Amino acid sequence: MVIGTYISTITLNVNGLNSPTKRHRLVEWIQKQNPYIGCLQETHFRPRDTYRLKVREWKKIFHANGNQEKAGVAILSDKIDFKIKTVARHKEGHYIMIKGSIQEESITIINIYAPNICTSIHKVNANSHKREIESSTIIVGDFNTSLTQMDRSSRKQINKETQALNDTIVHIDLIDIYRTFHLKAEEYTFFSRAHGAFSRLDHILDQNQTQILQKERKLQINVTDKYRCKNPHQNTSKQKPTMH
């Protein structure tokens, strides 16, 4: 990626946005974080309900939804000159892919929600979009699976499906941004009461050649039982702009 600016990206599983109070809290949080791009999972909107999500000064909000109040993903972008070329949506709201350009440089953003019935995320994304992966691709979202043993407090070994996903990630030259900078960190985004264990299910994947600013961090908010991940992207080939 040769985009001469930071592209601050946040991802959050909101676990439903049909409550006005919850939408209000989310909007306040987004405005406080002030990212360039926001990716939401499990909005639980039906197509006719997407108008309910409004963020002041954010005019570009793209949704993918099914006909039932479950799944659903959204990408928000209005803080940067993102020229949209194509938008691909999963009919049940499991992913949305936006292809466009920023400062005349191509970029693809894929936002994923992988439901429990389809924990192998490559069935939803990697196999379907392998041809779409370019030199400037960001894949974010709730994968509903940990990529490594370090992402589980139980240290339970990953299964064959997750290993296949990791193989696909390597094959298409993507890296797990958080784990790249925090090799031994024990931080998680989800707590399973049933199993009494923590895990990191939310990920941001980026191209190997992209230089990433090491500022990814986590913050719990009173909106959902998950955390958000935040990732500012930086290209050092041009002069650094001011970070917002």
C-alpha atoms as a PDB file:
ATOM      1  CA  MET A   1       0.000   0.000   0.000  1.00  0.00           C
ATOM      2  CA  VAL A   2       1.445   3.352  -0.971  1.00  0.00           C
ATOM      3  CA  ILE A   3      -1.202   5.599   0.496  1.00  0.00           C
ATOM      4  CA  GLY A   4       0.432   8.614   2.113  1.00  0.00           C
ATOM      5  CA  THR A   5      -1.751   8.847   5.172  1.00  0.00           C
ATOM      6  CA  TYR A   6      -2.923   6.923   8.195  1.00  0.00           C
ATOM      7  CA  ILE A   7      -6.004   4.809   7.684  1.00  0.00           C
ATOM      8  CA  SER A   8      -7.353   4.261  11.174  1.00  0.00           C
ATOM      9  CA  THR A   9      -9.675   1.252  11.106  1.00  0.00           C
ATOM     10  CA  ILE A  10     -11.844  -0.069  13.929  1.00  0.00           C
ATOM     11  CA  THR A  11     -13.807  -3.316  14.088  1.00  0.00           C
ATOM     12  CA  LEU A  12     -16.522  -4.177  16.583  1.00  0.00           C
ATOM     13  CA  ASN A  13     -19.112  -6.914  17.061  1.00  0.00           C
ATOM     14  CA  VAL A  14     -22.137  -4.927  18.264  1.00  0.00           C
ATOM     15  CA  ASN A  15     -24.418  -7.943  18.896  1.00  0.00           C
ATOM     16  CA  GLY A  16     -27.498  -6.202  17.531  1.00  0.00           C
ATOM     17  CA  LEU A  17     -28.385  -2.565  16.844  1.00  0.00           C
ATOM     18  CA  ASN A  18     -32.169  -2.584  16.920  1.00  0.00           C
ATOM     19  CA  SER A  19     -32.195  -0.871  20.314  1.00  0.00           C
ATOM     20  CA  PRO A  20     -32.182   2.951  20.020  1.00  0.00           C
ATOM     21  CA  THR A  21     -30.162   3.218  23.248  1.00  0.00           C
ATOM     22  CA  LYS A  22     -27.527   0.856  21.920  1.00  0.00           C
ATOM     23  CA  ARG A  23     -27.292   2.732  18.626  1.00  0.00           C
ATOM     24  CA  HIS A  24     -26.862   5.991  20.528  1.00  0.00           C
ATOM     25  CA  ARG A  25     -24.018   4.521  22.601  1.00  0.00           C
ATOM     26  CA  LEU A  26     -22.364   3.157  19.482  1.00  0.00           C
ATOM     27  CA  VAL A  27     -22.571   6.485  17.663  1.00  0.00           C
ATOM     28  CA  GLU A  28     -21.025   8.275  20.648  1.00  0.00           C
ATOM     29  CA  TRP A  29     -18.222   5.715  20.732  1.00  0.00           C
ATOM     30  CA  ILE A  30     -17.497   5.986  17.005  1.00  0.00           C
ATOM     31  CA  GLN A  31     -17.358   9.767  17.217  1.00  0.00           C
ATOM     32  CA  LYS A  32     -15.003   9.531  20.189  1.00  0.00           C
ATOM     33  CA  GLN A  33     -12.691   7.064  18.410  1.00  0.00           C
ATOM     34  CA  ASN A  34     -12.818   9.169  15.226  1.00  0.00           C
ATOM     35  CA  PRO A  35     -11.568   6.477  12.812  1.00  0.00           C
ATOM     36  CA  TYR A  36     -11.368   6.788   9.057  1.00  0.00           C
ATOM     37  CA  ILE A  37     -13.119   3.458   8.554  1.00  0.00           C
ATOM     38  CA  GLY A  38     -15.450   1.576  10.897  1.00  0.00           C
ATOM     39  CA  CYS A  39     -16.446  -2.076  10.494  1.00  0.00           C
ATOM     40  CA  LEU A  40     -19.394  -3.520  12.431  1.00  0.00           C
ATOM     41  CA  GLN A  41     -20.567  -7.108  12.764  1.00  0.00           C
ATOM     42  CA  GLU A  42     -23.888  -8.588  13.938  1.00  0.00           C
ATOM     43  CA  THR A  43     -25.939  -5.470  13.299  1.00  0.00           C
ATOM     44  CA  HIS A  44     -29.058  -7.707  13.138  1.00  0.00           C
ATOM     45  CA  PHE A  45     -30.672  -5.345  10.648  1.00  0.00           C
ATOM     46  CA  ARG A  46     -33.004  -6.377   7.881  1.00  0.00           C
ATOM     47  CA  PRO A  47     -32.538  -4.479   4.598  1.00  0.00           C
ATOM     48  CA  ARG A  48     -35.431  -2.151   5.374  1.00  0.00           C
ATOM     49  CA  ASP A  49     -33.961  -1.268   8.792  1.00  0.00           C
ATOM     50  CA  THR A  50     -30.487  -0.050   7.825  1.00  0.00           C
ATOM     51  CA  TYR A  51     -31.603   3.599   7.786  1.00  0.00           C
ATOM     52  CA  ARG A  52     -31.655   3.451  11.599  1.00  0.00           C
ATOM     53  CA  LEU A  53     -27.866   3.597  11.798  1.00  0.00           C
ATOM     54  CA  LYS A  54     -26.862   7.229  11.396  1.00  0.00           C
ATOM     55  CA  VAL A  55     -23.624   8.889  12.453  1.00  0.00           C
ATOM     56  CA  ARG A  56     -23.356  12.644  12.119  1.00  0.00           C
ATOM     57  CA  GLU A  57     -21.064  13.661   9.241  1.00  0.00           C
ATOM     58  CA  TRP A  58     -20.730  10.023   8.128  1.00  0.00           C
ATOM     59  CA  LYS A  59     -22.625   9.786   4.860  1.00  0.00           C
ATOM     60  CA  LYS A  60     -21.096   6.585   3.481  1.00  0.00           C
ATOM     61  CA  ILE A  61     -22.496   3.550   5.297  1.00  0.00           C
ATOM     62  CA  PHE A  62     -22.621   0.244   3.412  1.00  0.00           C
ATOM     63  CA  HIS A  63     -24.615  -2.720   4.701  1.00  0.00           C
ATOM     64  CA  ALA A  64     -24.987  -6.419   3.946  1.00  0.00           C
ATOM     65  CA  ASN A  65     -28.040  -8.028   5.524  1.00  0.00           C
ATOM     66  CA  GLY A  66     -30.288 -11.051   5.278  1.00  0.00           C
ATOM     67  CA  ASN A  67     -34.058 -11.113   5.651  1.00  0.00           C
ATOM     68  CA  GLN A  68     -33.949 -12.039   9.340  1.00  0.00           C
ATOM     69  CA  GLU A  69     -32.721 -10.097  12.355  1.00  0.00           C
ATOM     70  CA  LYS A  70     -29.399 -11.875  12.626  1.00  0.00           C
ATOM     71  CA  ALA A  71     -25.856 -11.576  11.259  1.00  0.00           C
ATOM     72  CA  GLY A  72     -25.420  -8.360   9.260  1.00  0.00           C
ATOM     73  CA  VAL A  73     -22.269  -6.311   8.662  1.00  0.00           C
ATOM     74  CA  ALA A  74     -21.595  -2.663   7.883  1.00  0.00           C
ATOM     75  CA  ILE A  75     -18.684  -0.492   6.758  1.00  0.00           C
ATOM     76  CA  LEU A  76     -18.652   3.217   7.569  1.00  0.00           C
ATOM     77  CA  SER A  77     -16.366   5.585   5.699  1.00  0.00           C
ATOM     78  CA  ASP A  78     -16.579   9.337   5.464  1.00  0.00           C
ATOM     79  CA  LYS A  79     -13.460  10.695   7.144  1.00  0.00           C
ATOM     80  CA  ILE A  80     -11.234  10.098   4.143  1.00  0.00           C
ATOM     81  CA  ASP A  81     -11.632  10.534   0.384  1.00  0.00           C
ATOM     82  CA  PHE A  82     -12.573   6.922  -0.326  1.00  0.00           C
ATOM     83  CA  LYS A  83     -13.807   6.622  -3.910  1.00  0.00           C
ATOM     84  CA  ILE A  84     -15.958   3.486  -4.145  1.00  0.00           C
ATOM     85  CA  LYS A  85     -15.807   1.397  -7.328  1.00  0.00           C
ATOM     86  CA  THR A  86     -17.666  -1.806  -6.447  1.00  0.00           C
ATOM     87  CA  VAL A  87     -19.515  -3.282  -3.479  1.00  0.00           C
ATOM     88  CA  ALA A  88     -20.130  -7.031  -3.039  1.00  0.00           C
ATOM     89  CA  ARG A  89     -22.575  -8.253  -0.396  1.00  0.00           C
ATOM     90  CA  HIS A  90     -23.294 -11.692   1.047  1.00  0.00           C
ATOM     91  CA  LYS A  91     -27.020 -12.399   0.802  1.00  0.00           C
ATOM     92  CA  GLU A  92     -27.219 -13.506   4.449  1.00  0.00           C
ATOM     93  CA  GLY A  93     -25.098 -10.664   5.783  1.00  0.00           C
ATOM     94  CA  HIS A  94     -21.916 -12.595   6.553  1.00  0.00           C
ATOM     95  CA  TYR A  95     -19.565 -10.256   4.717  1.00  0.00           C
ATOM     96  CA  ILE A  96     -19.315  -7.124   2.643  1.00  0.00           C
ATOM     97  CA  MET A  97     -16.451  -6.211   0.323  1.00  0.00           C
ATOM     98  CA  ILE A  98     -15.709  -2.698  -0.900  1.00  0.00           C
ATOM     99  CA  LYS A  99     -13.216  -1.993  -3.659  1.00  0.00           C
ATOM    100  CA  GLY A 100     -12.135   1.538  -4.366  1.00  0.00           C
ATOM    101  CA  SER A 101      -9.281   3.982  -4.119  1.00  0.00           C
ATOM    102  CA  ILE A 102      -7.777   6.449  -1.674  1.00  0.00           C
ATOM    103  CA  GLN A 103      -5.511   9.123  -3.114  1.00  0.00           C
ATOM    104  CA  GLU A 104      -5.685   7.272  -6.453  1.00  0.00           C
ATOM    105  CA  GLU A 105      -4.311   4.084  -4.871  1.00  0.00           C
ATOM    106  CA  SER A 106      -6.455   0.939  -5.034  1.00  0.00           C
ATOM    107  CA  ILE A 107      -7.678  -0.556  -1.777  1.00  0.00           C
ATOM    108  CA  THR A 108     -10.048  -3.383  -0.859  1.00  0.00           C
ATOM    109  CA  ILE A 109     -11.772  -3.698   2.512  1.00  0.00           C
ATOM    110  CA  ILE A 110     -13.559  -6.899   3.509  1.00  0.00           C
ATOM    111  CA  ASN A 111     -15.653  -6.948   6.682  1.00  0.00           C
ATOM    112  CA  ILE A 112     -16.623 -10.405   7.944  1.00  0.00           C
ATOM    113  CA  TYR A 113     -18.967 -11.977  10.452  1.00  0.00           C
ATOM    114  CA  ALA A 114     -18.500 -15.745  10.582  1.00  0.00           C
ATOM    115  CA  PRO A 115     -21.411 -17.282  12.519  1.00  0.00           C
ATOM    116  CA  ASN A 116     -20.892 -20.239  14.815  1.00  0.00           C
ATOM    117  CA  ILE A 117     -22.439 -22.577  12.265  1.00  0.00           C
ATOM    118  CA  CYS A 118     -19.614 -21.688   9.877  1.00  0.00           C
ATOM    119  CA  THR A 119     -16.503 -21.324  11.998  1.00  0.00           C
ATOM    120  CA  SER A 120     -14.247 -21.981   9.017  1.00  0.00           C
ATOM    121  CA  ILE A 121     -14.001 -18.415   7.790  1.00  0.00           C
ATOM    122  CA  HIS A 122     -12.373 -19.367   4.502  1.00  0.00           C
ATOM    123  CA  LYS A 123     -15.739 -20.817   3.466  1.00  0.00           C
ATOM    124  CA  VAL A 124     -17.209 -17.346   3.822  1.00  0.00           C
ATOM    125  CA  ASN A 125     -14.336 -15.285   2.564  1.00  0.00           C
ATOM    126  CA  ALA A 126     -10.943 -16.557   1.523  1.00  0.00           C
ATOM    127  CA  ASN A 127     -12.042 -19.126  -1.030  1.00  0.00           C
ATOM    128  CA  SER A 128     -14.803 -16.893  -2.401  1.00  0.00           C
ATOM    129  CA  HIS A 129     -12.600 -13.829  -2.692  1.00  0.00           C
ATOM    130  CA  LYS A 130      -9.157 -15.262  -3.306  1.00  0.00           C
ATOM    131  CA  ARG A 131      -9.217 -13.752  -6.775  1.00  0.00           C
ATOM    132  CA  GLU A 132     -10.092 -10.377  -5.255  1.00  0.00           C
ATOM    133  CA  ILE A 133      -7.087 -10.155  -2.924  1.00  0.00           C
ATOM    134  CA  GLU A 134      -4.811  -7.402  -4.179  1.00  0.00           C
ATOM    135  CA  SER A 135      -1.715  -5.624  -2.926  1.00  0.00           C
ATOM    136  CA  SER A 136      -3.809  -3.320  -0.734  1.00  0.00           C
ATOM    137  CA  THR A 137      -6.347  -5.476   1.058  1.00  0.00           C
ATOM    138  CA  ILE A 138      -7.596  -5.268   4.632  1.00  0.00           C
ATOM    139  CA  ILE A 139      -9.754  -8.068   6.044  1.00  0.00           C
ATOM    140  CA  VAL A 140     -11.382  -7.345   9.383  1.00  0.00           C
ATOM    141  CA  GLY A 141     -14.132  -8.751  11.525  1.00  0.00           C
ATOM    142  CA  ASP A 142     -15.398 -11.389  13.903  1.00  0.00           C
ATOM    143  CA  PHE A 143     -14.032 -14.709  12.716  1.00  0.00           C
ATOM    144  CA  ASN A 144     -15.594 -16.660  15.609  1.00  0.00           C
ATOM    145  CA  THR A 145     -12.358 -18.587  15.881  1.00  0.00           C
ATOM    146  CA  SER A 146      -8.936 -18.027  17.405  1.00  0.00           C
ATOM    147  CA  LEU A 147      -6.050 -18.223  14.962  1.00  0.00           C
ATOM    148  CA  THR A 148      -3.435 -19.493  17.441  1.00  0.00           C
ATOM    149  CA  GLN A 149      -3.203 -21.177  20.840  1.00  0.00           C
ATOM    150  CA  MET A 150      -1.984 -17.861  22.247  1.00  0.00           C
ATOM    151  CA  ASP A 151      -5.401 -16.440  21.413  1.00  0.00           C
ATOM    152  CA  ARG A 152      -7.041 -18.793  23.935  1.00  0.00           C
ATOM    153  CA  SER A 153      -6.705 -18.662  27.703  1.00  0.00           C
ATOM    154  CA  SER A 154      -7.205 -22.435  27.758  1.00  0.00           C
ATOM    155  CA  ARG A 155      -4.300 -22.897  25.307  1.00  0.00           C
ATOM    156  CA  LYS A 156      -6.442 -25.483  23.547  1.00  0.00           C
ATOM    157  CA  GLN A 157      -4.964 -26.551  20.230  1.00  0.00           C
ATOM    158  CA  ILE A 158      -6.518 -25.187  17.068  1.00  0.00           C
ATOM    159  CA  ASN A 159      -8.528 -27.588  14.929  1.00  0.00           C
ATOM    160  CA  LYS A 160      -8.031 -28.632  11.318  1.00  0.00           C
ATOM    161  CA  GLU A 161     -10.431 -26.016   9.967  1.00  0.00           C
ATOM    162  CA  THR A 162      -8.540 -23.205  11.687  1.00  0.00           C
ATOM    163  CA  GLN A 163      -5.236 -24.592  10.464  1.00  0.00           C
ATOM    164  CA  ALA A 164      -6.649 -24.614   6.936  1.00  0.00           C
ATOM    165  CA  LEU A 165      -7.669 -20.988   7.441  1.00  0.00           C
ATOM    166  CA  ASN A 166      -4.155 -20.095   8.595  1.00  0.00           C
ATOM    167  CA  ASP A 167      -2.708 -21.833   5.543  1.00  0.00           C
ATOM    168  CA  THR A 168      -5.012 -19.787   3.320  1.00  0.00           C
ATOM    169  CA  ILE A 169      -4.024 -16.567   5.094  1.00  0.00           C
ATOM    170  CA  VAL A 170      -0.350 -17.315   4.466  1.00  0.00           C
ATOM    171  CA  HIS A 171      -1.036 -18.334   0.864  1.00  0.00           C
ATOM    172  CA  ILE A 172      -2.693 -15.026   0.021  1.00  0.00           C
ATOM    173  CA  ASP A 173       0.070 -13.109   1.824  1.00  0.00           C
ATOM    174  CA  LEU A 174      -1.931 -11.766   4.752  1.00  0.00           C
ATOM    175  CA  ILE A 175      -0.761 -11.306   8.333  1.00  0.00           C
ATOM    176  CA  ASP A 176      -2.528 -11.032  11.683  1.00  0.00           C
ATOM    177  CA  ILE A 177      -1.687  -7.447  12.651  1.00  0.00           C
ATOM    178  CA  TYR A 178      -2.195  -7.761  16.396  1.00  0.00           C
ATOM    179  CA  ARG A 179      -0.209 -10.988  16.765  1.00  0.00           C
ATOM    180  CA  THR A 180       2.583  -9.613  14.574  1.00  0.00           C
ATOM    181  CA  PHE A 181       3.271  -6.845  17.077  1.00  0.00           C
ATOM    182  CA  HIS A 182       2.279  -8.730  20.229  1.00  0.00           C
ATOM    183  CA  LEU A 183       3.775 -12.187  19.882  1.00  0.00           C
ATOM    184  CA  LYS A 184       3.289 -13.191  23.522  1.00  0.00           C
ATOM    185  CA  ALA A 185       0.439 -10.943  24.607  1.00  0.00           C
ATOM    186  CA  GLU A 186      -2.445 -12.574  26.436  1.00  0.00           C
ATOM    187  CA  GLU A 187      -5.333 -10.274  25.577  1.00  0.00           C
ATOM    188  CA  TYR A 188      -8.749 -11.403  24.446  1.00  0.00           C
ATOM    189  CA  THR A 189     -11.932 -10.073  22.857  1.00  0.00           C
ATOM    190  CA  PHE A 190     -14.518 -12.581  24.101  1.00  0.00           C
ATOM    191  CA  PHE A 191     -15.413 -14.471  27.267  1.00  0.00           C
ATOM    192  CA  SER A 192     -17.377 -17.721  27.078  1.00  0.00           C
ATOM    193  CA  ARG A 193     -19.382 -18.199  30.246  1.00  0.00           C
ATOM    194  CA  ALA A 194     -20.205 -21.752  29.218  1.00  0.00           C
ATOM    195  CA  HIS A 195     -16.539 -22.727  29.009  1.00  0.00           C
ATOM    196  CA  GLY A 196     -15.155 -20.222  31.501  1.00  0.00           C
ATOM    197  CA  ALA A 197     -12.480 -19.232  29.004  1.00  0.00           C
ATOM    198  CA  PHE A 198     -11.289 -16.143  27.152  1.00  0.00           C
ATOM    199  CA  SER A 199     -10.392 -16.000  23.467  1.00  0.00           C
ATOM    200  CA  ARG A 200      -9.503 -13.525  20.727  1.00  0.00           C
ATOM    201  CA  LEU A 201     -12.018 -13.947  17.928  1.00  0.00           C
ATOM    202  CA  ASP A 202     -11.794 -10.524  16.282  1.00  0.00           C
ATOM    203  CA  HIS A 203      -8.968  -9.959  13.842  1.00  0.00           C
ATOM    204  CA  ILE A 204      -7.479  -7.465  11.400  1.00  0.00           C
ATOM    205  CA  LEU A 205      -5.530  -9.012   8.532  1.00  0.00           C
ATOM    206  CA  ASP A 206      -3.402  -6.987   6.161  1.00  0.00           C
ATOM    207  CA  GLN A 207      -0.911  -7.482   3.358  1.00  0.00           C
ATOM    208  CA  ASN A 208       2.651  -8.414   4.309  1.00  0.00           C
ATOM    209  CA  GLN A 209       4.176  -5.499   2.419  1.00  0.00           C
ATOM    210  CA  THR A 210       2.112  -2.878   4.213  1.00  0.00           C
ATOM    211  CA  GLN A 211       3.976  -1.115   7.009  1.00  0.00           C
ATOM    212  CA  ILE A 212       1.743  -0.963  10.050  1.00  0.00           C
ATOM    213  CA  LEU A 213       1.998   1.614  12.776  1.00  0.00           C
ATOM    214  CA  GLN A 214       2.309  -0.174  16.089  1.00  0.00           C
ATOM    215  CA  LYS A 215      -0.632   1.381  17.849  1.00  0.00           C
ATOM    216  CA  GLU A 216      -3.167  -1.407  17.845  1.00  0.00           C
ATOM    217  CA  ARG A 217      -4.803  -1.566  21.198  1.00  0.00           C
ATOM    218  CA  LYS A 218      -8.030  -2.663  22.848  1.00  0.00           C
ATOM    219  CA  LEU A 219     -10.782  -0.889  24.704  1.00  0.00           C
ATOM    220  CA  GLN A 220     -13.902  -2.307  26.334  1.00  0.00           C
ATOM    221  CA  ILE A 221     -17.098  -0.322  25.950  1.00  0.00           C
ATOM    222  CA  ASN A 222     -20.600  -0.658  27.336  1.00  0.00           C
ATOM    223  CA  VAL A 223     -22.181  -1.730  24.066  1.00  0.00           C
ATOM    224  CA  THR A 224     -21.352  -5.399  23.653  1.00  0.00           C
ATOM    225  CA  ASP A 225     -19.646  -8.293  25.388  1.00  0.00           C
ATOM    226  CA  LYS A 226     -16.783  -8.052  22.928  1.00  0.00           C
ATOM    227  CA  TYR A 227     -13.965  -5.621  22.518  1.00  0.00           C
ATOM    228  CA  ARG A 228     -12.939  -3.600  19.539  1.00  0.00           C
ATOM    229  CA  CYS A 229      -9.678  -3.741  17.664  1.00  0.00           C
ATOM    230  CA  LYS A 230      -8.161  -0.591  16.232  1.00  0.00           C
ATOM    231  CA  ASN A 231      -5.489  -0.484  13.586  1.00  0.00           C
ATOM    232  CA  PRO A 232      -3.918   2.645  12.070  1.00  0.00           C
ATOM    233  CA  HIS A 233      -2.131   1.930   8.774  1.00  0.00           C
ATOM    234  CA  GLN A 234       0.929   3.953   7.848  1.00  0.00           C
ATOM    235  CA  ASN A 235       2.986   4.319   4.704  1.00  0.00           C
ATOM    236  CA  THR A 236       6.464   5.644   5.429  1.00  0.00           C
ATOM    237  CA  SER A 237       7.356   6.314   1.803  1.00  0.00           C
ATOM    238  CA  LYS A 238       5.728   9.737   2.091  1.00  0.00           C
ATOM    239  CA  GLN A 239       5.780  12.453   4.716  1.00  0.00           C
ATOM    240  CA  LYS A 240       3.841  11.552   7.839  1.00  0.00           C
ATOM    241  CA  PRO A 241       0.635  13.504   8.310  1.00  0.00           C
ATOM    242  CA  THR A 242      -0.817  14.409  11.673  1.00  0.00           C
ATOM    243  CA  MET A 243      -2.545  11.523  13.444  1.00  0.00           C
ATOM    244  CA  HIS A 244      -6.140  12.351  14.371  1.00  0.00           C
END
